[in-house]
Amino acid sequence: MARAKFRGLDKVEIQFLLTATALNLKKMAKMIDAKR
C-alpha cells in the first residue's frame, strides 16, 4: 500500500485488481503465442 498510486483502501483495491488483471492478460497472451 505504500507504493499505491491512489490513497484509500477502496482505491488501492481497485489498483490491485487492475494490476492483477493486466498480469493475467499478459500471461494468457504468452500461453496463446506458445501454442502456435
Protein backbone atom coordinates (compact mmCIF):
# COMPACT_ATOMS: atom_id res chain seq x y z
CA MET A 1 0.00 0.00 0.00
CA ALA A 2 2.98 2.30 0.47
CA ARG A 3 3.58 2.38 -3.29
CA ALA A 4 -0.06 2.71 -4.32
CA LYS A 5 -0.79 5.46 -6.78
CA PHE A 6 -4.05 6.38 -5.06
CA ARG A 7 -4.94 6.80 -1.40
CA GLY A 8 -7.63 4.92 0.45
CA LEU A 9 -8.33 1.21 0.75
CA ASP A 10 -11.03 1.20 -1.94
CA LYS A 11 -8.75 2.82 -4.49
CA VAL A 12 -5.83 0.58 -3.56
CA GLU A 13 -8.07 -2.45 -4.02
CA ILE A 14 -9.12 -1.22 -7.48
CA GLN A 15 -5.47 -0.66 -8.42
CA PHE A 16 -4.60 -4.16 -7.19
CA LEU A 17 -7.39 -5.74 -9.24
CA LEU A 18 -6.42 -3.83 -12.39
CA THR A 19 -2.76 -4.78 -11.95
CA ALA A 20 -3.63 -8.45 -11.42
CA THR A 21 -5.88 -8.40 -14.49
CA ALA A 22 -3.14 -6.89 -16.62
CA LEU A 23 -0.63 -9.51 -15.47
CA ASN A 24 -3.10 -12.32 -16.19
CA LEU A 25 -3.74 -10.95 -19.69
CA LYS A 26 0.00 -10.87 -20.37
CA LYS A 27 0.28 -14.48 -19.16
CA MET A 28 -2.61 -15.54 -21.37
CA ALA A 29 -1.06 -13.85 -24.40
CA LYS A 30 2.22 -15.68 -23.82
CA MET A 31 0.41 -19.01 -23.45
CA ILE A 32 -1.55 -18.49 -26.67
CA ASP A 33 1.60 -17.46 -28.51
CA ALA A 34 3.46 -20.53 -27.23
CA LYS A 35 0.77 -22.86 -28.59
CA ARG A 36 1.26 -21.58 -32.15
